[in-house]
Amino acid sequence: MMGAMRIGIVGLGTGGTTLACLLTDAGHDVTVVEQATDPRPVGAGIWLQALGQEVLARLGLLEQLRAVSRPVERVLIVTSSGRRLVDLGYDALPGATPALGVHRGALFSVLHDAVLARGVDVRLGVPVTGVRPTASGMTVETAAGDLGAFDLVVGCDGVRSPVRRSMNVTTRDKPYTYGALWAVVDDPGESATDTLFQCLGGTSAYLGVLPTGRGRTSMFWSVRTRDTARVLAAGLPAWRAAAAPYAGPHAALLDRVTELMPATYRDVVVRTPVRVEGRHGAALVGDSAHAMSPQLGTGTSLALADAWSLAHALATRPALGDALDAYARDRAAHLRWYQWATRLMMPVFQSDLAPLAVPRDGLAPLLTRVPGVAPLLVGTLCGDRTSPWTTWSLGPASVPG
């Protein structure tokens, strides 16, 4: 097996912090480079599926996160006219683990604290512009000059990844027409209980309500990206009036929204998430390798799975090139399933293709009653599918050190 390596991780998000913990535990010399000068727990609610929970459990962090989360055991999708399209419980698949509704900032805090507890070298306020191979290794480029050379550089730097751009592996990088406006509101009565609620109006409007930890709830409002500035400029009263017909039992939460934050989405595909240059290499993890829409709520879990897969490949293969090839092969089918699933869902949930709402609203209640469909849908939500019949597994319960 390979000995200890110098590994540079670009980005202090979910994938970067998880990978830093795993690789430090395996004995590597890890440096994390982050462009923010003072990274803080920010963001909206996320829907952490069973696969992501398993990675955190193996790091010994799941119970800490569970303490600030709420279980999401049911998905309810209705139309603004009151038609029930989907009412799906995780118990439709025997043994399925419900998701956790948690604030993204809470997950960041748990992982960031774990990085600091391990004494990882974290360099803040360093905007990375790319990587390139040099005689001494993969060199990290910054706006102020070269930072240093590593045996391996891992881009965990998000959807607009400079590391990905410099690797020249992108085959698709397309913005979605629709994004969202989101808010996290105080909900001391936890009115969202254990259910992800979505109310649809055609294919161009929906309101989502997600339990987000203890006493908080996230709200998501679908919006065309080009209309975002106009909606924000119109102010909260106008938005509340537009959202009210979709709020259903959560109407009271609209008055608790004090600020709307915009989110945009991209569809990113790479021909390979790795690059090997002699004895050195680069790799991509999370959105830098496979950004997609959040329709299935699996983005965070996929990033956690990437980190585990890469750490395991590095621990079990005899050479870096072999390890990176193994990582790319291991992740391919899993990511392909979710990329295509989210790509197919976007037109019927967020698009200007209004005629699609008619067959969607007519067929969805029928399809979920077809034997085998509900378990397949829950299995897909759990985050580990590679096809309707096969799943992806983390493998051994620990990464060899």
Protein backbone atom coordinates (compact mmCIF):
# COMPACT_ATOMS: atom_id res chain seq x y z
CA MET A 1 0.00 0.00 0.00
CA MET A 2 0.99 3.64 -0.40
CA GLY A 3 2.68 5.48 2.41
CA ALA A 4 1.71 8.86 3.81
CA MET A 5 1.20 11.54 1.16
CA ARG A 6 1.05 15.32 1.06
CA ILE A 7 -2.56 16.03 0.17
CA GLY A 8 -4.06 19.42 -0.52
CA ILE A 9 -7.83 19.84 -0.24
CA VAL A 10 -9.39 22.91 -1.84
CA GLY A 11 -12.61 23.88 -0.10
CA LEU A 12 -13.87 23.63 3.48
CA GLY A 13 -17.40 22.50 2.69
CA THR A 14 -19.02 19.15 3.40
CA GLY A 15 -16.81 17.11 1.08
CA GLY A 16 -13.61 18.89 2.04
CA THR A 17 -14.08 18.63 5.80
CA THR A 18 -15.14 14.98 5.60
CA LEU A 19 -12.19 14.07 3.41
CA ALA A 20 -9.78 15.98 5.65
CA CYS A 21 -10.92 13.91 8.64
CA LEU A 22 -10.71 10.60 6.79
CA LEU A 23 -7.27 11.25 5.28
CA THR A 24 -5.81 12.65 8.50
CA ASP A 25 -7.04 9.56 10.35
CA ALA A 26 -5.31 7.45 7.69
CA GLY A 27 -1.98 9.15 8.43
CA HIS A 28 -1.65 11.56 5.51
CA ASP A 29 -0.26 15.10 5.76
CA VAL A 30 -3.36 17.14 4.92
CA THR A 31 -3.65 20.84 4.14
CA VAL A 32 -7.05 22.43 3.54
CA VAL A 33 -7.21 25.67 1.55
CA GLU A 34 -10.34 27.81 1.81
CA GLN A 35 -11.10 31.12 0.11
CA ALA A 36 -13.29 32.47 2.95
CA THR A 37 -11.41 34.37 5.62
CA ASP A 38 -13.85 33.43 8.37
CA PRO A 39 -15.93 30.37 7.44
CA ARG A 40 -19.17 30.31 9.38
CA PRO A 41 -22.19 28.04 9.66
CA VAL A 42 -24.53 29.39 6.98
CA GLY A 43 -27.12 28.07 4.53
CA ALA A 44 -30.59 26.63 4.48
CA GLY A 45 -32.02 23.28 5.47
CA ILE A 46 -30.73 20.10 3.91
CA TRP A 47 -32.24 16.66 3.64
CA LEU A 48 -29.52 14.25 4.77
CA GLN A 49 -30.26 10.78 3.48
CA ALA A 50 -29.29 7.40 4.89
CA LEU A 51 -26.11 7.10 2.84
CA GLY A 52 -24.73 10.38 4.17
CA GLN A 53 -25.73 9.44 7.68
CA GLU A 54 -23.73 6.23 7.40
CA VAL A 55 -20.55 8.12 6.50
CA LEU A 56 -21.00 10.41 9.49
CA ALA A 57 -21.65 7.40 11.71
CA ARG A 58 -18.34 5.88 10.65
CA LEU A 59 -16.62 9.11 11.58
CA GLY A 60 -18.33 9.01 14.97
CA LEU A 61 -20.25 12.23 14.25
CA LEU A 62 -23.79 11.08 13.52
CA GLU A 63 -25.20 11.23 17.03
CA GLN A 64 -23.84 14.74 17.46
CA LEU A 65 -25.62 15.82 14.29
CA ARG A 66 -28.78 13.89 15.12
CA ALA A 67 -29.09 15.93 18.32
CA VAL A 68 -29.65 19.09 16.26
CA SER A 69 -31.73 17.45 13.51
CA ARG A 70 -35.27 16.22 13.01
CA PRO A 71 -36.24 12.97 11.30
CA VAL A 72 -38.01 13.35 7.97
CA GLU A 73 -40.09 10.20 7.57
CA ARG A 74 -42.59 11.26 4.92
CA VAL A 75 -42.84 13.15 1.62
CA LEU A 76 -46.14 14.85 0.80
CA ILE A 77 -46.63 16.51 -2.59
CA VAL A 78 -49.90 18.24 -3.41
CA THR A 79 -51.15 20.75 -5.96
CA SER A 80 -52.41 24.22 -5.14
CA SER A 81 -55.91 22.95 -5.92
CA GLY A 82 -55.58 20.36 -3.15
CA ARG A 83 -54.94 17.25 -5.25
CA ARG A 84 -52.63 14.81 -3.46
CA LEU A 85 -49.95 13.57 -5.87
CA VAL A 86 -47.49 11.74 -3.61
CA ASP A 87 -47.81 10.64 0.00
CA LEU A 88 -44.78 8.49 0.59
CA GLY A 89 -43.37 7.21 3.86
CA TYR A 90 -39.90 5.77 4.26
CA ASP A 91 -41.58 2.72 5.76
CA ALA A 92 -42.62 1.76 2.21
CA LEU A 93 -39.17 0.19 1.98
CA PRO A 94 -38.60 -2.23 4.87
CA GLY A 95 -35.49 -1.28 6.82
CA ALA A 96 -35.10 2.15 5.20
CA THR A 97 -33.60 4.86 7.38
CA PRO A 98 -35.54 8.15 7.34
CA ALA A 99 -33.73 11.30 6.30
CA LEU A 100 -32.61 13.98 8.72
CA GLY A 101 -33.75 17.57 8.29
CA VAL A 102 -30.90 19.74 9.48
CA HIS A 103 -29.51 23.21 8.96
CA ARG A 104 -26.51 23.19 6.62
CA GLY A 105 -24.70 25.33 9.16
CA ALA A 106 -25.19 22.69 11.85
CA LEU A 107 -23.57 20.05 9.63
CA PHE A 108 -20.71 22.44 8.88
CA SER A 109 -20.14 23.08 12.58
CA VAL A 110 -19.95 19.37 13.39
CA LEU A 111 -17.50 18.66 10.56
CA HIS A 112 -15.45 21.83 11.08
CA ASP A 113 -15.01 21.05 14.76
CA ALA A 114 -13.87 17.54 13.80
CA VAL A 115 -11.26 18.99 11.44
CA LEU A 116 -9.94 21.35 14.11
CA ALA A 117 -9.86 18.58 16.71
CA ARG A 118 -7.54 16.61 14.42
CA GLY A 119 -5.14 19.51 14.10
CA VAL A 120 -5.48 19.73 10.33
CA ASP A 121 -3.57 22.59 8.70
CA VAL A 122 -6.35 24.94 7.48
CA ARG A 123 -5.39 28.01 5.48
CA LEU A 124 -8.11 30.63 5.21
CA GLY A 125 -8.53 33.58 2.88
CA VAL A 126 -6.73 31.87 -0.01
CA PRO A 127 -8.65 32.01 -3.32
CA VAL A 128 -7.42 29.09 -5.43
CA THR A 129 -7.36 29.69 -9.19
CA GLY A 130 -6.32 26.21 -10.34
CA VAL A 131 -3.80 23.40 -10.16
CA ARG A 132 -1.03 22.35 -12.50
CA PRO A 133 1.58 19.58 -12.60
CA THR A 134 5.14 20.56 -11.80
CA ALA A 135 8.32 18.60 -11.12
CA SER A 136 7.63 18.65 -7.38
CA GLY A 137 3.97 17.60 -7.58
CA MET A 138 0.53 19.06 -8.23
CA THR A 139 0.93 22.76 -7.55
CA VAL A 140 -1.94 24.81 -6.15
CA GLU A 141 -2.25 28.16 -7.88
CA THR A 142 -3.68 31.18 -6.10
CA ALA A 143 -4.28 34.81 -6.95
CA ALA A 144 -1.14 35.65 -4.95
CA GLY A 145 1.05 32.99 -6.58
CA ASP A 146 1.76 29.30 -6.07
CA LEU A 147 0.82 27.98 -2.65
CA GLY A 148 2.78 24.74 -2.76
CA ALA A 149 3.03 21.31 -4.36
CA PHE A 150 1.30 18.13 -3.22
CA ASP A 151 1.22 14.46 -4.15
CA LEU A 152 -2.54 14.84 -4.57
CA VAL A 153 -4.84 17.84 -4.79
CA VAL A 154 -8.57 17.31 -4.29
CA GLY A 155 -11.04 19.90 -5.51
CA CYS A 156 -13.94 20.17 -3.07
CA ASP A 157 -14.54 23.72 -4.23
CA GLY A 158 -18.11 23.56 -5.41
CA VAL A 159 -20.13 24.00 -8.54
CA ARG A 160 -17.87 26.66 -10.09
CA SER A 161 -14.71 24.77 -9.20
CA PRO A 162 -11.44 26.38 -10.37
CA VAL A 163 -9.77 23.02 -9.77
CA ARG A 164 -12.17 21.32 -12.19
CA ARG A 165 -11.64 24.03 -14.77
CA SER A 166 -7.85 23.65 -14.63
CA MET A 167 -8.13 19.85 -14.94
CA ASN A 168 -9.94 20.29 -18.26
CA VAL A 169 -12.37 17.42 -17.64
CA THR A 170 -15.76 19.17 -17.91
CA THR A 171 -18.17 17.80 -20.50
CA ARG A 172 -21.31 19.58 -19.29
CA ASP A 173 -21.76 22.74 -17.24
CA LYS A 174 -25.23 24.11 -17.80
CA PRO A 175 -27.21 26.44 -15.55
CA TYR A 176 -30.77 25.42 -14.78
CA THR A 177 -33.46 27.89 -15.79
CA TYR A 178 -35.01 27.71 -12.33
CA GLY A 179 -33.54 28.22 -8.91
CA ALA A 180 -35.09 28.97 -5.54
CA LEU A 181 -35.54 31.56 -2.85
CA TRP A 182 -35.10 30.12 0.62
CA ALA A 183 -35.50 31.12 4.23
CA VAL A 184 -35.03 29.46 7.61
CA VAL A 185 -37.71 30.46 10.12
CA ASP A 186 -38.26 29.89 13.81
CA ASP A 187 -40.86 27.19 14.30
CA PRO A 188 -41.00 26.45 18.02
CA GLY A 189 -44.10 24.31 17.59
CA GLU A 190 -42.36 22.31 14.83
CA SER A 191 -45.45 22.50 12.64
CA ALA A 192 -43.62 20.74 9.82
CA THR A 193 -43.45 17.65 12.09
CA ASP A 194 -41.68 14.83 10.22
CA THR A 195 -42.76 15.65 6.66
CA LEU A 196 -41.23 17.29 3.62
CA PHE A 197 -44.16 19.22 2.17
CA GLN A 198 -44.30 20.47 -1.42
CA CYS A 199 -47.18 22.28 -3.09
CA LEU A 200 -47.09 22.68 -6.86
CA GLY A 201 -48.71 25.08 -9.27
CA GLY A 202 -48.19 23.77 -12.78
CA THR A 203 -44.49 23.27 -13.48
CA SER A 204 -43.38 26.82 -12.73
CA ALA A 205 -44.33 27.35 -9.09
CA TYR A 206 -43.91 25.42 -5.89
CA LEU A 207 -43.40 25.99 -2.20
CA GLY A 208 -41.39 23.52 -0.16
CA VAL A 209 -41.35 23.19 3.63
CA LEU A 210 -38.62 21.13 5.28
CA PRO A 211 -38.08 20.41 9.01
CA THR A 212 -34.67 21.89 9.78
CA GLY A 213 -33.40 20.88 13.18
CA ARG A 214 -34.96 21.68 16.51
CA GLY A 215 -37.52 24.48 16.38
CA ARG A 216 -36.66 25.61 12.86
CA THR A 217 -38.11 25.05 9.41
CA SER A 218 -36.84 25.88 5.92
CA MET A 219 -39.03 27.25 3.16
CA PHE A 220 -38.14 27.07 -0.53
CA TRP A 221 -39.89 29.00 -3.30
CA SER A 222 -39.29 28.05 -6.94
CA VAL A 223 -38.30 30.98 -9.14
CA ARG A 224 -36.91 31.50 -12.64
CA THR A 225 -33.32 32.59 -12.27
CA ARG A 226 -33.93 35.58 -14.52
CA ASP A 227 -36.83 36.68 -12.28
CA THR A 228 -34.98 36.43 -8.97
CA ALA A 229 -33.96 40.09 -8.75
CA ARG A 230 -37.47 41.24 -9.65
CA VAL A 231 -39.11 39.04 -7.00
CA LEU A 232 -36.69 40.22 -4.33
CA ALA A 233 -37.17 43.87 -5.32
CA ALA A 234 -40.95 43.50 -5.00
CA GLY A 235 -40.50 42.84 -1.30
CA LEU A 236 -41.69 40.31 1.24
CA PRO A 237 -45.38 41.32 1.26
CA ALA A 238 -45.66 40.64 -2.48
CA TRP A 239 -43.86 37.33 -2.08
CA ARG A 240 -46.09 36.27 0.79
CA ALA A 241 -49.17 37.02 -1.31
CA ALA A 242 -47.80 34.91 -4.17
CA ALA A 243 -46.78 32.03 -1.87
CA ALA A 244 -49.93 31.95 0.28
CA PRO A 245 -51.99 29.69 -2.06
CA TYR A 246 -49.22 27.08 -1.79
CA ALA A 247 -48.57 27.18 1.94
CA GLY A 248 -51.42 24.94 3.05
CA PRO A 249 -51.06 24.06 6.74
CA HIS A 250 -47.86 26.11 6.93
CA ALA A 251 -49.38 29.50 6.09
CA ALA A 252 -48.44 30.95 9.49
CA LEU A 253 -44.75 30.40 8.72
CA LEU A 254 -44.87 32.88 5.85
CA ASP A 255 -45.14 35.77 8.29
CA ARG A 256 -41.97 34.60 10.04
CA VAL A 257 -39.85 34.97 6.91
CA THR A 258 -37.69 38.08 7.33
CA GLU A 259 -35.28 37.54 4.44
CA LEU A 260 -35.21 35.53 1.23
CA MET A 261 -31.91 34.22 -0.06
CA PRO A 262 -31.40 33.17 -3.69
CA ALA A 263 -30.02 29.82 -4.82
CA THR A 264 -29.09 28.81 -8.35
CA TYR A 265 -28.38 25.33 -9.69
CA ARG A 266 -26.19 23.86 -12.41
CA ASP A 267 -25.92 20.53 -14.17
CA VAL A 268 -22.23 19.57 -14.15
CA VAL A 269 -20.76 16.42 -15.68
CA VAL A 270 -17.09 15.46 -16.03
CA ARG A 271 -15.62 12.78 -18.27
CA THR A 272 -13.51 11.71 -15.30
CA PRO A 273 -13.16 13.11 -11.77
CA VAL A 274 -9.41 12.42 -11.70
CA ARG A 275 -6.19 13.40 -13.44
CA VAL A 276 -2.91 11.55 -13.07
CA GLU A 277 0.44 13.13 -13.87
CA GLY A 278 3.25 10.67 -13.21
CA ARG A 279 3.38 9.98 -9.47
CA HIS A 280 1.02 12.87 -8.67
CA GLY A 281 -2.62 13.57 -9.30
CA ALA A 282 -5.78 15.59 -8.81
CA ALA A 283 -9.35 14.55 -8.03
CA LEU A 284 -12.79 16.08 -7.63
CA VAL A 285 -15.34 15.50 -4.88
CA GLY A 286 -18.95 16.68 -4.50
CA ASP A 287 -20.45 19.46 -6.59
CA SER A 288 -17.13 20.15 -8.26
CA ALA A 289 -17.54 16.77 -9.97
CA HIS A 290 -21.31 16.35 -10.32
CA ALA A 291 -23.47 19.35 -9.45
CA MET A 292 -27.17 18.71 -10.00
CA SER A 293 -30.55 20.04 -8.97
CA PRO A 294 -31.66 19.40 -5.37
CA GLN A 295 -34.90 17.64 -6.36
CA LEU A 296 -33.95 14.36 -4.69
CA GLY A 297 -32.12 15.88 -1.74
CA THR A 298 -29.07 13.69 -2.27
CA GLY A 299 -26.30 16.21 -3.02
CA THR A 300 -24.83 16.24 0.49
CA SER A 301 -24.96 12.47 0.79
CA LEU A 302 -23.25 12.03 -2.58
CA ALA A 303 -20.43 14.35 -1.51
CA LEU A 304 -19.97 12.34 1.70
CA ALA A 305 -19.92 9.13 -0.34
CA ASP A 306 -17.30 10.60 -2.68
CA ALA A 307 -15.06 11.44 0.26
CA TRP A 308 -15.39 7.95 1.72
CA SER A 309 -14.77 6.27 -1.65
CA LEU A 310 -11.65 8.32 -2.38
CA ALA A 311 -10.20 7.78 1.10
CA HIS A 312 -10.84 4.04 0.83
CA ALA A 313 -9.23 3.82 -2.62
CA LEU A 314 -6.13 5.62 -1.38
CA ALA A 315 -5.90 3.24 1.57
CA THR A 316 -6.26 0.01 -0.38
CA ARG A 317 -4.48 0.51 -3.73
CA PRO A 318 -0.72 0.11 -4.30
CA ALA A 319 -0.16 3.33 -6.25
CA LEU A 320 -1.82 6.72 -6.60
CA GLY A 321 -2.78 6.20 -10.24
CA ASP A 322 -4.46 2.90 -9.38
CA ALA A 323 -6.30 4.52 -6.47
CA LEU A 324 -7.63 7.40 -8.54
CA ASP A 325 -8.77 5.06 -11.31
CA ALA A 326 -10.52 2.89 -8.71
CA TYR A 327 -12.25 5.96 -7.25
CA ALA A 328 -13.51 7.05 -10.67
CA ARG A 329 -14.85 3.56 -11.45
CA ASP A 330 -16.43 3.17 -8.03
CA ARG A 331 -18.44 6.37 -8.29
CA ALA A 332 -19.52 6.23 -11.95
CA ALA A 333 -22.74 4.19 -11.90
CA HIS A 334 -23.94 5.69 -8.63
CA LEU A 335 -23.58 9.27 -9.84
CA ARG A 336 -25.00 8.48 -13.26
CA TRP A 337 -28.26 7.23 -11.72
CA TYR A 338 -28.80 10.40 -9.70
CA GLN A 339 -27.71 12.75 -12.46
CA TRP A 340 -30.23 11.27 -14.85
CA ALA A 341 -32.96 11.04 -12.22
CA THR A 342 -32.67 14.72 -11.28
CA ARG A 343 -32.34 15.75 -14.92
CA LEU A 344 -35.60 13.96 -15.75
CA MET A 345 -37.41 15.42 -12.74
CA MET A 346 -36.61 19.06 -13.41
CA PRO A 347 -38.99 19.54 -16.38
CA VAL A 348 -42.00 18.27 -14.41
CA PHE A 349 -41.21 20.22 -11.23
CA GLN A 350 -39.33 23.35 -12.32
CA SER A 351 -39.72 24.42 -15.94
CA ASP A 352 -41.77 26.45 -18.38
CA LEU A 353 -43.16 23.24 -19.89
CA ALA A 354 -46.64 23.78 -18.42
CA PRO A 355 -48.35 20.96 -20.42
CA LEU A 356 -46.28 18.40 -18.47
CA ALA A 357 -48.27 19.19 -15.33
CA VAL A 358 -51.36 17.47 -16.71
CA PRO A 359 -49.88 13.95 -17.12
CA ARG A 360 -47.82 14.45 -13.95
CA ASP A 361 -50.87 15.24 -11.85
CA GLY A 362 -52.86 12.43 -13.39
CA LEU A 363 -50.23 9.70 -13.26
CA ALA A 364 -48.35 10.39 -10.02
CA PRO A 365 -51.13 9.18 -7.66
CA LEU A 366 -51.54 6.02 -9.75
CA LEU A 367 -47.85 5.22 -10.12
CA THR A 368 -47.16 5.29 -6.39
CA ARG A 369 -49.81 2.59 -5.94
CA VAL A 370 -48.20 0.24 -8.49
CA PRO A 371 -46.51 -2.64 -6.64
CA GLY A 372 -42.78 -2.02 -6.32
CA VAL A 373 -42.84 1.67 -7.23
CA ALA A 374 -43.03 3.09 -3.70
CA PRO A 375 -40.06 1.01 -2.45
CA LEU A 376 -38.06 2.05 -5.53
CA LEU A 377 -38.81 5.71 -4.87
CA VAL A 378 -37.83 5.43 -1.21
CA GLY A 379 -34.69 3.52 -2.15
CA THR A 380 -33.73 6.31 -4.53
CA LEU A 381 -34.33 8.89 -1.80
CA CYS A 382 -32.06 6.94 0.55
CA GLY A 383 -29.21 7.82 -1.79
CA ASP A 384 -27.59 4.49 -2.59
CA ARG A 385 -29.16 3.41 -5.91
CA THR A 386 -27.19 2.65 -9.05
CA SER A 387 -30.22 1.31 -10.95
CA PRO A 388 -33.76 0.16 -10.10
CA TRP A 389 -32.29 -3.16 -8.97
CA THR A 390 -28.79 -2.41 -7.64
CA THR A 391 -27.26 -0.30 -4.88
CA TRP A 392 -23.94 1.29 -4.01
CA SER A 393 -22.23 0.43 -0.75
CA LEU A 394 -19.59 2.14 1.37
CA GLY A 395 -17.85 -1.21 1.77
CA PRO A 396 -15.77 -1.99 4.87
CA ALA A 397 -16.77 -0.22 8.06
CA SER A 398 -13.46 1.62 8.36
CA VAL A 399 -10.82 3.12 6.10
CA PRO A 400 -7.55 1.25 6.72
CA GLY A 401 -4.96 3.46 8.38
